[in-house]
Structure formats: structure tokens, C-alpha cells
Amino acid sequence: MEAVIRDGGHQYTVAEGEVLDIEFRDVDEGATLEFPEVLYIRSDGAEARIGAPTVDGAKVIAKVVGPVKGDKLIVAKFRRRKSSRSRVGHRQPYLRVQVEKIEG
């Protein structure tokens, strides 16, 4: 079974047992999250259902694995002949979840 869900302005293609990183939120490790906005769902051997905008009665249930950090990004600004330089690093926090069940 596979589905396309919408969460936090992003769309994710998920399947049962898959691990994915979503936008960070303060949730305890081991808790369950429910994603009610399912845009597309297809089960094995059945016809695909496309929502308008969401599929009625469908939801995705996931278990929280824990918080993770993304890759480090370096932002450097340089202005020639002005003695002006700046360098800033950033690591985006994410929440890692494992999809347990796709209902619908």
C-alpha cells in the first residue's frame, strides 16, 4: 500500500514500514502521529483513489523514532574592498517517523 500525504506544506510519498524525516515538532519518542490529509492512496491489486483535495476516510499512522538534524549548510557573504565578511552555519531539525499503517 502506498499513499501521498500532506504535512507542514510538504507532500510525501509513503509506504508501510518506510522511515521519513518530516518538519520538527515537539513530540516524545515512541508516540504515534496521525496524518489525516491523504491526497492519493493505492493498495495492492486495487484501483488508485485520488482525493479532491483529500481522500475521505483515509489516514496514515506513524510512530516517532526521534529528532534528527539535517546536513550542515554554510552561508558566506563577502563584499570586496569593504573588509566585510560573514560566515554562518545552519542545521535544520527534523523529526524521524516510521510509517506503521495506511488506512483507507
PDB file of N, CA and C in Angstrom:
ATOM      1  N   MET A   1       0.833  -1.171   0.000  1.00  0.00           N
ATOM      2  CA  MET A   1       0.000   0.000   0.000  1.00  0.00           C
ATOM      3  C   MET A   1       0.881   1.239   0.000  1.00  0.00           C
ATOM      4  N   GLU A   2       0.530   2.218  -0.789  1.00  0.00           N
ATOM      5  CA  GLU A   2       1.279   3.472  -0.795  1.00  0.00           C
ATOM      6  C   GLU A   2       0.306   4.636  -0.789  1.00  0.00           C
ATOM      7  N   ALA A   3       0.808   5.795  -0.328  1.00  0.00           N
ATOM      8  CA  ALA A   3      -0.040   6.974  -0.237  1.00  0.00           C
ATOM      9  C   ALA A   3       0.817   8.221  -0.388  1.00  0.00           C
ATOM     10  N   VAL A   4       0.148   9.321  -0.708  1.00  0.00           N
ATOM     11  CA  VAL A   4       0.785  10.637  -0.729  1.00  0.00           C
ATOM     12  C   VAL A   4       0.083  11.455   0.347  1.00  0.00           C
ATOM     13  N   ILE A   5       0.872  11.966   1.308  1.00  0.00           N
ATOM     14  CA  ILE A   5       0.308  12.747   2.393  1.00  0.00           C
ATOM     15  C   ILE A   5       0.827  14.172   2.336  1.00  0.00           C
ATOM     16  N   ARG A   6       0.066  15.087   2.954  1.00  0.00           N
ATOM     17  CA  ARG A   6       0.483  16.485   3.042  1.00  0.00           C
ATOM     18  C   ARG A   6       0.681  16.810   4.514  1.00  0.00           C
ATOM     19  N   ASP A   7       1.857  17.382   4.823  1.00  0.00           N
ATOM     20  CA  ASP A   7       2.158  17.753   6.200  1.00  0.00           C
ATOM     21  C   ASP A   7       3.097  18.950   6.204  1.00  0.00           C
ATOM     22  N   GLY A   8       2.675  20.015   6.840  1.00  0.00           N
ATOM     23  CA  GLY A   8       3.532  21.184   7.003  1.00  0.00           C
ATOM     24  C   GLY A   8       3.948  21.840   5.703  1.00  0.00           C
ATOM     25  N   GLY A   9       3.083  21.849   4.696  1.00  0.00           N
ATOM     26  CA  GLY A   9       3.407  22.480   3.429  1.00  0.00           C
ATOM     27  C   GLY A   9       4.209  21.600   2.492  1.00  0.00           C
ATOM     28  N   HIS A  10       4.496  20.362   2.885  1.00  0.00           N
ATOM     29  CA  HIS A  10       5.235  19.428   2.048  1.00  0.00           C
ATOM     30  C   HIS A  10       4.359  18.227   1.733  1.00  0.00           C
ATOM     31  N   GLN A  11       4.660  17.554   0.637  1.00  0.00           N
ATOM     32  CA  GLN A  11       3.978  16.325   0.275  1.00  0.00           C
ATOM     33  C   GLN A  11       4.999  15.193   0.282  1.00  0.00           C
ATOM     34  N   TYR A  12       4.601  14.057   0.857  1.00  0.00           N
ATOM     35  CA  TYR A  12       5.489  12.918   0.983  1.00  0.00           C
ATOM     36  C   TYR A  12       4.812  11.681   0.395  1.00  0.00           C
ATOM     37  N   THR A  13       5.555  10.894  -0.352  1.00  0.00           N
ATOM     38  CA  THR A  13       5.091   9.595  -0.815  1.00  0.00           C
ATOM     39  C   THR A  13       5.566   8.571   0.206  1.00  0.00           C
ATOM     40  N   VAL A  14       4.621   7.830   0.786  1.00  0.00           N
ATOM     41  CA  VAL A  14       4.963   6.910   1.863  1.00  0.00           C
ATOM     42  C   VAL A  14       4.437   5.512   1.569  1.00  0.00           C
ATOM     43  N   ALA A  15       5.075   4.525   2.161  1.00  0.00           N
ATOM     44  CA  ALA A  15       4.638   3.134   2.110  1.00  0.00           C
ATOM     45  C   ALA A  15       4.781   2.571   3.519  1.00  0.00           C
ATOM     46  N   GLU A  16       4.077   1.495   3.811  1.00  0.00           N
ATOM     47  CA  GLU A  16       4.130   0.910   5.142  1.00  0.00           C
ATOM     48  C   GLU A  16       5.543   0.414   5.448  1.00  0.00           C
ATOM     49  N   GLY A  17       6.037   0.733   6.649  1.00  0.00           N
ATOM     50  CA  GLY A  17       7.375   0.338   7.060  1.00  0.00           C
ATOM     51  C   GLY A  17       8.457   1.324   6.684  1.00  0.00           C
ATOM     52  N   GLU A  18       8.135   2.344   5.927  1.00  0.00           N
ATOM     53  CA  GLU A  18       9.119   3.322   5.463  1.00  0.00           C
ATOM     54  C   GLU A  18       9.446   4.330   6.562  1.00  0.00           C
ATOM     55  N   VAL A  19      10.697   4.800   6.586  1.00  0.00           N
ATOM     56  CA  VAL A  19      11.146   5.817   7.537  1.00  0.00           C
ATOM     57  C   VAL A  19      11.357   7.113   6.770  1.00  0.00           C
ATOM     58  N   LEU A  20      10.806   8.227   7.295  1.00  0.00           N
ATOM     59  CA  LEU A  20      10.996   9.510   6.621  1.00  0.00           C
ATOM     60  C   LEU A  20      11.184  10.617   7.640  1.00  0.00           C
ATOM     61  N   ASP A  21      11.778  11.708   7.187  1.00  0.00           N
ATOM     62  CA  ASP A  21      12.030  12.875   8.028  1.00  0.00           C
ATOM     63  C   ASP A  21      11.028  13.956   7.659  1.00  0.00           C
ATOM     64  N   ILE A  22      10.292  14.441   8.666  1.00  0.00           N
ATOM     65  CA  ILE A  22       9.298  15.490   8.458  1.00  0.00           C
ATOM     66  C   ILE A  22       9.722  16.724   9.237  1.00  0.00           C
ATOM     67  N   GLU A  23       8.966  17.810   9.109  1.00  0.00           N
ATOM     68  CA  GLU A  23       9.283  19.023   9.847  1.00  0.00           C
ATOM     69  C   GLU A  23       9.227  18.754  11.341  1.00  0.00           C
ATOM     70  N   PHE A  24      10.130  19.397  12.075  1.00  0.00           N
ATOM     71  CA  PHE A  24      10.246  19.148  13.506  1.00  0.00           C
ATOM     72  C   PHE A  24       9.026  19.653  14.263  1.00  0.00           C
ATOM     73  N   ARG A  25       8.591  18.859  15.235  1.00  0.00           N
ATOM     74  CA  ARG A  25       7.590  19.272  16.214  1.00  0.00           C
ATOM     75  C   ARG A  25       7.954  18.585  17.523  1.00  0.00           C
ATOM     76  N   ASP A  26       7.565  19.187  18.626  1.00  0.00           N
ATOM     77  CA  ASP A  26       7.956  18.683  19.935  1.00  0.00           C
ATOM     78  C   ASP A  26       7.037  17.536  20.340  1.00  0.00           C
ATOM     79  N   VAL A  27       7.457  16.306  20.006  1.00  0.00           N
ATOM     80  CA  VAL A  27       6.697  15.092  20.311  1.00  0.00           C
ATOM     81  C   VAL A  27       7.655  14.091  20.947  1.00  0.00           C
ATOM     82  N   ASP A  28       7.162  13.367  21.931  1.00  0.00           N
ATOM     83  CA  ASP A  28       8.004  12.375  22.618  1.00  0.00           C
ATOM     84  C   ASP A  28       8.326  11.201  21.709  1.00  0.00           C
ATOM     85  N   GLU A  29       9.481  10.592  21.965  1.00  0.00           N
ATOM     86  CA  GLU A  29       9.911   9.409  21.222  1.00  0.00           C
ATOM     87  C   GLU A  29       8.971   8.247  21.543  1.00  0.00           C
ATOM     88  N   GLY A  30       8.561   7.509  20.531  1.00  0.00           N
ATOM     89  CA  GLY A  30       7.661   6.381  20.728  1.00  0.00           C
ATOM     90  C   GLY A  30       6.190   6.739  20.599  1.00  0.00           C
ATOM     91  N   ALA A  31       5.873   8.032  20.519  1.00  0.00           N
ATOM     92  CA  ALA A  31       4.479   8.460  20.359  1.00  0.00           C
ATOM     93  C   ALA A  31       4.010   8.166  18.934  1.00  0.00           C
ATOM     94  N   THR A  32       2.710   8.195  18.727  1.00  0.00           N
ATOM     95  CA  THR A  32       2.178   7.975  17.385  1.00  0.00           C
ATOM     96  C   THR A  32       1.646   9.287  16.827  1.00  0.00           C
ATOM     97  N   LEU A  33       1.852   9.477  15.540  1.00  0.00           N
ATOM     98  CA  LEU A  33       1.343  10.639  14.828  1.00  0.00           C
ATOM     99  C   LEU A  33       0.329  10.160  13.798  1.00  0.00           C
ATOM    100  N   GLU A  34      -0.685  10.973  13.577  1.00  0.00           N
ATOM    101  CA  GLU A  34      -1.704  10.650  12.585  1.00  0.00           C
ATOM    102  C   GLU A  34      -1.707  11.748  11.527  1.00  0.00           C
ATOM    103  N   PHE A  35      -1.642  11.344  10.270  1.00  0.00           N
ATOM    104  CA  PHE A  35      -1.679  12.277   9.149  1.00  0.00           C
ATOM    105  C   PHE A  35      -3.016  12.103   8.438  1.00  0.00           C
ATOM    106  N   PRO A  36      -3.987  12.987   8.682  1.00  0.00           N
ATOM    107  CA  PRO A  36      -5.315  12.818   8.088  1.00  0.00           C
ATOM    108  C   PRO A  36      -5.429  13.338   6.654  1.00  0.00           C
ATOM    109  N   GLU A  37      -4.457  14.140   6.216  1.00  0.00           N
ATOM    110  CA  GLU A  37      -4.531  14.708   4.868  1.00  0.00           C
ATOM    111  C   GLU A  37      -3.856  13.767   3.870  1.00  0.00           C
ATOM    112  N   VAL A  38      -4.606  12.821   3.355  1.00  0.00           N
ATOM    113  CA  VAL A  38      -4.113  11.870   2.363  1.00  0.00           C
ATOM    114  C   VAL A  38      -4.621  12.310   1.004  1.00  0.00           C
ATOM    115  N   LEU A  39      -3.708  12.593   0.081  1.00  0.00           N
ATOM    116  CA  LEU A  39      -4.075  13.115  -1.237  1.00  0.00           C
ATOM    117  C   LEU A  39      -4.280  12.008  -2.264  1.00  0.00           C
ATOM    118  N   TYR A  40      -3.623  10.861  -2.045  1.00  0.00           N
ATOM    119  CA  TYR A  40      -3.657   9.754  -3.012  1.00  0.00           C
ATOM    120  C   TYR A  40      -3.412   8.474  -2.238  1.00  0.00           C
ATOM    121  N   ILE A  41      -4.121   7.427  -2.593  1.00  0.00           N
ATOM    122  CA  ILE A  41      -3.910   6.147  -1.929  1.00  0.00           C
ATOM    123  C   ILE A  41      -4.089   5.021  -2.935  1.00  0.00           C
ATOM    124  N   ARG A  42      -3.214   4.013  -2.838  1.00  0.00           N
ATOM    125  CA  ARG A  42      -3.298   2.853  -3.733  1.00  0.00           C
ATOM    126  C   ARG A  42      -2.905   1.622  -2.942  1.00  0.00           C
ATOM    127  N   SER A  43      -3.812   0.646  -2.927  1.00  0.00           N
ATOM    128  CA  SER A  43      -3.500  -0.611  -2.251  1.00  0.00           C
ATOM    129  C   SER A  43      -3.136  -1.651  -3.299  1.00  0.00           C
ATOM    130  N   ASP A  44      -2.553  -2.737  -2.848  1.00  0.00           N
ATOM    131  CA  ASP A  44      -2.102  -3.788  -3.756  1.00  0.00           C
ATOM    132  C   ASP A  44      -3.289  -4.409  -4.490  1.00  0.00           C
ATOM    133  N   GLY A  45      -3.257  -4.391  -5.793  1.00  0.00           N
ATOM    134  CA  GLY A  45      -4.290  -5.004  -6.606  1.00  0.00           C
ATOM    135  C   GLY A  45      -5.571  -4.204  -6.726  1.00  0.00           C
ATOM    136  N   ALA A  46      -5.679  -3.085  -6.043  1.00  0.00           N
ATOM    137  CA  ALA A  46      -6.890  -2.274  -6.115  1.00  0.00           C
ATOM    138  C   ALA A  46      -6.633  -1.020  -6.942  1.00  0.00           C
ATOM    139  N   GLU A  47      -7.711  -0.386  -7.306  1.00  0.00           N
ATOM    140  CA  GLU A  47      -7.608   0.831  -8.103  1.00  0.00           C
ATOM    141  C   GLU A  47      -7.183   2.000  -7.216  1.00  0.00           C
ATOM    142  N   ALA A  48      -6.418   2.909  -7.761  1.00  0.00           N
ATOM    143  CA  ALA A  48      -5.949   4.071  -7.017  1.00  0.00           C
ATOM    144  C   ALA A  48      -7.097   5.038  -6.793  1.00  0.00           C
ATOM    145  N   ARG A  49      -7.073   5.680  -5.610  1.00  0.00           N
ATOM    146  CA  ARG A  49      -8.070   6.702  -5.296  1.00  0.00           C
ATOM    147  C   ARG A  49      -7.356   8.036  -5.153  1.00  0.00           C
ATOM    148  N   ILE A  50      -7.859   9.015  -5.879  1.00  0.00           N
ATOM    149  CA  ILE A  50      -7.284  10.352  -5.846  1.00  0.00           C
ATOM    150  C   ILE A  50      -8.284  11.274  -5.174  1.00  0.00           C
ATOM    151  N   GLY A  51      -7.821  12.024  -4.195  1.00  0.00           N
ATOM    152  CA  GLY A  51      -8.698  12.907  -3.438  1.00  0.00           C
ATOM    153  C   GLY A  51      -8.964  14.217  -4.141  1.00  0.00           C
ATOM    154  N   ALA A  52     -10.026  14.875  -3.676  1.00  0.00           N
ATOM    155  CA  ALA A  52     -10.373  16.177  -4.237  1.00  0.00           C
ATOM    156  C   ALA A  52     -10.724  17.134  -3.103  1.00  0.00           C
ATOM    157  N   PRO A  53      -9.834  17.696  -2.347  1.00  0.00           N
ATOM    158  CA  PRO A  53      -8.378  17.546  -2.386  1.00  0.00           C
ATOM    159  C   PRO A  53      -7.858  16.351  -1.582  1.00  0.00           C
ATOM    160  N   THR A  54      -8.652  15.807  -0.625  1.00  0.00           N
ATOM    161  CA  THR A  54      -8.169  14.670   0.151  1.00  0.00           C
ATOM    162  C   THR A  54      -9.108  13.478  -0.015  1.00  0.00           C
ATOM    163  N   VAL A  55      -8.593  12.296   0.268  1.00  0.00           N
ATOM    164  CA  VAL A  55      -9.380  11.067   0.191  1.00  0.00           C
ATOM    165  C   VAL A  55     -10.179  10.932   1.485  1.00  0.00           C
ATOM    166  N   ASP A  56     -11.486  10.769   1.368  1.00  0.00           N
ATOM    167  CA  ASP A  56     -12.345  10.659   2.551  1.00  0.00           C
ATOM    168  C   ASP A  56     -12.070   9.364   3.308  1.00  0.00           C
ATOM    169  N   GLY A  57     -11.934   9.476   4.633  1.00  0.00           N
ATOM    170  CA  GLY A  57     -11.760   8.304   5.487  1.00  0.00           C
ATOM    171  C   GLY A  57     -10.372   7.700   5.487  1.00  0.00           C
ATOM    172  N   ALA A  58      -9.435   8.289   4.806  1.00  0.00           N
ATOM    173  CA  ALA A  58      -8.076   7.738   4.746  1.00  0.00           C
ATOM    174  C   ALA A  58      -7.173   8.484   5.719  1.00  0.00           C
ATOM    175  N   LYS A  59      -6.250   7.750   6.330  1.00  0.00           N
ATOM    176  CA  LYS A  59      -5.257   8.371   7.204  1.00  0.00           C
ATOM    177  C   LYS A  59      -4.027   7.483   7.275  1.00  0.00           C
ATOM    178  N   VAL A  60      -2.920   8.095   7.656  1.00  0.00           N
ATOM    179  CA  VAL A  60      -1.654   7.390   7.791  1.00  0.00           C
ATOM    180  C   VAL A  60      -1.213   7.519   9.240  1.00  0.00           C
ATOM    181  N   ILE A  61      -0.850   6.393   9.854  1.00  0.00           N
ATOM    182  CA  ILE A  61      -0.414   6.377  11.242  1.00  0.00           C
ATOM    183  C   ILE A  61       1.075   6.041  11.264  1.00  0.00           C
ATOM    184  N   ALA A  62       1.841   6.866  12.009  1.00  0.00           N
ATOM    185  CA  ALA A  62       3.293   6.688  12.070  1.00  0.00           C
ATOM    186  C   ALA A  62       3.762   6.756  13.516  1.00  0.00           C
ATOM    187  N   LYS A  63       4.877   6.078  13.797  1.00  0.00           N
ATOM    188  CA  LYS A  63       5.488   6.083  15.122  1.00  0.00           C
ATOM    189  C   LYS A  63       6.726   6.974  15.092  1.00  0.00           C
ATOM    190  N   VAL A  64       6.894   7.794  16.123  1.00  0.00           N
ATOM    191  CA  VAL A  64       8.029   8.722  16.200  1.00  0.00           C
ATOM    192  C   VAL A  64       9.277   7.946  16.602  1.00  0.00           C
ATOM    193  N   VAL A  65      10.332   8.049  15.766  1.00  0.00           N
ATOM    194  CA  VAL A  65      11.618   7.426  16.067  1.00  0.00           C
ATOM    195  C   VAL A  65      12.457   8.371  16.920  1.00  0.00           C
ATOM    196  N   GLY A  66      12.466   9.663  16.563  1.00  0.00           N
ATOM    197  CA  GLY A  66      13.193  10.651  17.352  1.00  0.00           C
ATOM    198  C   GLY A  66      13.618  11.834  16.507  1.00  0.00           C
ATOM    199  N   PRO A  67      14.158  12.870  17.150  1.00  0.00           N
ATOM    200  CA  PRO A  67      14.626  14.036  16.410  1.00  0.00           C
ATOM    201  C   PRO A  67      15.980  13.774  15.760  1.00  0.00           C
ATOM    202  N   VAL A  68      16.189  14.353  14.580  1.00  0.00           N
ATOM    203  CA  VAL A  68      17.465  14.279  13.870  1.00  0.00           C
ATOM    204  C   VAL A  68      17.784  15.662  13.314  1.00  0.00           C
ATOM    205  N   LYS A  69      19.032  15.852  12.934  1.00  0.00           N
ATOM    206  CA  LYS A  69      19.442  17.117  12.313  1.00  0.00           C
ATOM    207  C   LYS A  69      19.800  16.861  10.862  1.00  0.00           C
ATOM    208  N   GLY A  70      19.512  17.838  10.016  1.00  0.00           N
ATOM    209  CA  GLY A  70      19.838  17.737   8.605  1.00  0.00           C
ATOM    210  C   GLY A  70      21.305  18.039   8.356  1.00  0.00           C
ATOM    211  N   ASP A  71      21.682  18.078   7.085  1.00  0.00           N
ATOM    212  CA  ASP A  71      23.053  18.394   6.718  1.00  0.00           C
ATOM    213  C   ASP A  71      23.398  19.829   7.097  1.00  0.00           C
ATOM    214  N   LYS A  72      24.675  20.058   7.381  1.00  0.00           N
ATOM    215  CA  LYS A  72      25.112  21.401   7.729  1.00  0.00           C
ATOM    216  C   LYS A  72      25.244  22.246   6.470  1.00  0.00           C
ATOM    217  N   LEU A  73      24.659  23.430   6.504  1.00  0.00           N
ATOM    218  CA  LEU A  73      24.753  24.381   5.402  1.00  0.00           C
ATOM    219  C   LEU A  73      25.597  25.555   5.854  1.00  0.00           C
ATOM    220  N   ILE A  74      26.475  26.030   4.982  1.00  0.00           N
ATOM    221  CA  ILE A  74      27.323  27.185   5.276  1.00  0.00           C
ATOM    222  C   ILE A  74      26.888  28.327   4.367  1.00  0.00           C
ATOM    223  N   VAL A  75      26.551  29.457   4.984  1.00  0.00           N
ATOM    224  CA  VAL A  75      26.197  30.655   4.231  1.00  0.00           C
ATOM    225  C   VAL A  75      27.318  31.660   4.436  1.00  0.00           C
ATOM    226  N   ALA A  76      27.975  32.059   3.352  1.00  0.00           N
ATOM    227  CA  ALA A  76      29.087  33.007   3.438  1.00  0.00           C
ATOM    228  C   ALA A  76      28.784  34.219   2.573  1.00  0.00           C
ATOM    229  N   LYS A  77      29.002  35.383   3.142  1.00  0.00           N
ATOM    230  CA  LYS A  77      28.817  36.634   2.399  1.00  0.00           C
ATOM    231  C   LYS A  77      30.150  37.377   2.395  1.00  0.00           C
ATOM    232  N   PHE A  78      30.486  37.934   1.248  1.00  0.00           N
ATOM    233  CA  PHE A  78      31.765  38.603   1.088  1.00  0.00           C
ATOM    234  C   PHE A  78      31.570  39.832   0.213  1.00  0.00           C
ATOM    235  N   ARG A  79      32.052  40.977   0.697  1.00  0.00           N
ATOM    236  CA  ARG A  79      31.988  42.207  -0.103  1.00  0.00           C
ATOM    237  C   ARG A  79      33.421  42.683  -0.329  1.00  0.00           C
ATOM    238  N   ARG A  80      33.831  42.681  -1.576  1.00  0.00           N
ATOM    239  CA  ARG A  80      35.219  43.021  -1.870  1.00  0.00           C
ATOM    240  C   ARG A  80      35.521  44.483  -1.547  1.00  0.00           C
ATOM    241  N   ARG A  81      36.713  44.714  -1.128  1.00  0.00           N
ATOM    242  CA  ARG A  81      37.260  46.038  -0.804  1.00  0.00           C
ATOM    243  C   ARG A  81      36.516  46.733   0.336  1.00  0.00           C
ATOM    244  N   LYS A  82      35.729  46.036   1.106  1.00  0.00           N
ATOM    245  CA  LYS A  82      34.958  46.660   2.188  1.00  0.00           C
ATOM    246  C   LYS A  82      35.330  46.092   3.564  1.00  0.00           C
ATOM    247  N   SER A  83      36.218  45.114   3.618  1.00  0.00           N
ATOM    248  CA  SER A  83      36.571  44.427   4.868  1.00  0.00           C
ATOM    249  C   SER A  83      35.322  43.872   5.536  1.00  0.00           C
ATOM    250  N   SER A  84      34.435  43.317   4.736  1.00  0.00           N
ATOM    251  CA  SER A  84      33.180  42.786   5.257  1.00  0.00           C
ATOM    252  C   SER A  84      33.034  41.323   4.855  1.00  0.00           C
ATOM    253  N   ARG A  85      33.049  40.466   5.862  1.00  0.00           N
ATOM    254  CA  ARG A  85      32.860  39.034   5.622  1.00  0.00           C
ATOM    255  C   ARG A  85      31.969  38.485   6.727  1.00  0.00           C
ATOM    256  N   SER A  86      31.133  37.540   6.375  1.00  0.00           N
ATOM    257  CA  SER A  86      30.357  36.838   7.399  1.00  0.00           C
ATOM    258  C   SER A  86      30.187  35.391   6.978  1.00  0.00           C
ATOM    259  N   ARG A  87      30.157  34.529   7.970  1.00  0.00           N
ATOM    260  CA  ARG A  87      30.021  33.102   7.708  1.00  0.00           C
ATOM    261  C   ARG A  87      29.132  32.519   8.798  1.00  0.00           C
ATOM    262  N   VAL A  88      28.043  31.900   8.376  1.00  0.00           N
ATOM    263  CA  VAL A  88      27.068  31.360   9.318  1.00  0.00           C
ATOM    264  C   VAL A  88      26.748  29.931   8.914  1.00  0.00           C
ATOM    265  N   GLY A  89      26.661  29.035   9.899  1.00  0.00           N
ATOM    266  CA  GLY A  89      26.273  27.661   9.644  1.00  0.00           C
ATOM    267  C   GLY A  89      24.852  27.409  10.131  1.00  0.00           C
ATOM    268  N   HIS A  90      24.195  26.418   9.542  1.00  0.00           N
ATOM    269  CA  HIS A  90      22.819  26.093   9.932  1.00  0.00           C
ATOM    270  C   HIS A  90      22.577  24.602   9.754  1.00  0.00           C
ATOM    271  N   ARG A  91      21.878  23.996  10.733  1.00  0.00           N
ATOM    272  CA  ARG A  91      21.433  22.603  10.619  1.00  0.00           C
ATOM    273  C   ARG A  91      19.954  22.570  10.963  1.00  0.00           C
ATOM    274  N   GLN A  92      19.150  22.173   9.995  1.00  0.00           N
ATOM    275  CA  GLN A  92      17.705  22.144  10.164  1.00  0.00           C
ATOM    276  C   GLN A  92      17.292  20.936  11.014  1.00  0.00           C
ATOM    277  N   PRO A  93      16.474  21.139  12.045  1.00  0.00           N
ATOM    278  CA  PRO A  93      15.990  19.989  12.818  1.00  0.00           C
ATOM    279  C   PRO A  93      14.813  19.310  12.113  1.00  0.00           C
ATOM    280  N   TYR A  94      14.788  17.992  12.137  1.00  0.00           N
ATOM    281  CA  TYR A  94      13.708  17.197  11.563  1.00  0.00           C
ATOM    282  C   TYR A  94      13.223  16.202  12.608  1.00  0.00           C
ATOM    283  N   LEU A  95      12.070  15.610  12.350  1.00  0.00           N
ATOM    284  CA  LEU A  95      11.535  14.553  13.187  1.00  0.00           C
ATOM    285  C   LEU A  95      11.448  13.296  12.337  1.00  0.00           C
ATOM    286  N   ARG A  96      12.120  12.247  12.783  1.00  0.00           N
ATOM    287  CA  ARG A  96      12.123  10.980  12.022  1.00  0.00           C
ATOM    288  C   ARG A  96      10.965  10.120  12.503  1.00  0.00           C
ATOM    289  N   VAL A  97      10.141   9.670  11.537  1.00  0.00           N
ATOM    290  CA  VAL A  97       8.996   8.815  11.848  1.00  0.00           C
ATOM    291  C   VAL A  97       9.021   7.576  10.970  1.00  0.00           C
ATOM    292  N   GLN A  98       8.402   6.509  11.474  1.00  0.00           N
ATOM    293  CA  GLN A  98       8.273   5.273  10.710  1.00  0.00           C
ATOM    294  C   GLN A  98       6.788   5.016  10.495  1.00  0.00           C
ATOM    295  N   VAL A  99       6.409   4.840   9.226  1.00  0.00           N
ATOM    296  CA  VAL A  99       5.002   4.618   8.876  1.00  0.00           C
ATOM    297  C   VAL A  99       4.609   3.207   9.285  1.00  0.00           C
ATOM    298  N   GLU A 100       3.577   3.112  10.120  1.00  0.00           N
ATOM    299  CA  GLU A 100       3.114   1.801  10.590  1.00  0.00           C
ATOM    300  C   GLU A 100       1.938   1.285   9.801  1.00  0.00           C
ATOM    301  N   LYS A 101       0.965   2.166   9.527  1.00  0.00           N
ATOM    302  CA  LYS A 101      -0.261   1.693   8.893  1.00  0.00           C
ATOM    303  C   LYS A 101      -0.855   2.774   7.984  1.00  0.00           C
ATOM    304  N   ILE A 102      -1.356   2.346   6.842  1.00  0.00           N
ATOM    305  CA  ILE A 102      -2.083   3.224   5.929  1.00  0.00           C
ATOM    306  C   ILE A 102      -3.515   2.713   5.890  1.00  0.00           C
ATOM    307  N   GLU A 103      -4.439   3.522   6.353  1.00  0.00           N
ATOM    308  CA  GLU A 103      -5.844   3.131   6.406  1.00  0.00           C
ATOM    309  C   GLU A 103      -6.636   3.868   5.344  1.00  0.00           C
ATOM    310  N   GLY A 104      -7.571   3.186   4.772  1.00  0.00           N
ATOM    311  CA  GLY A 104      -8.412   3.872   3.806  1.00  0.00           C
ATOM    312  C   GLY A 104      -8.868   2.933   2.761  1.00  0.00           C
TER     313      GLY A 104
END
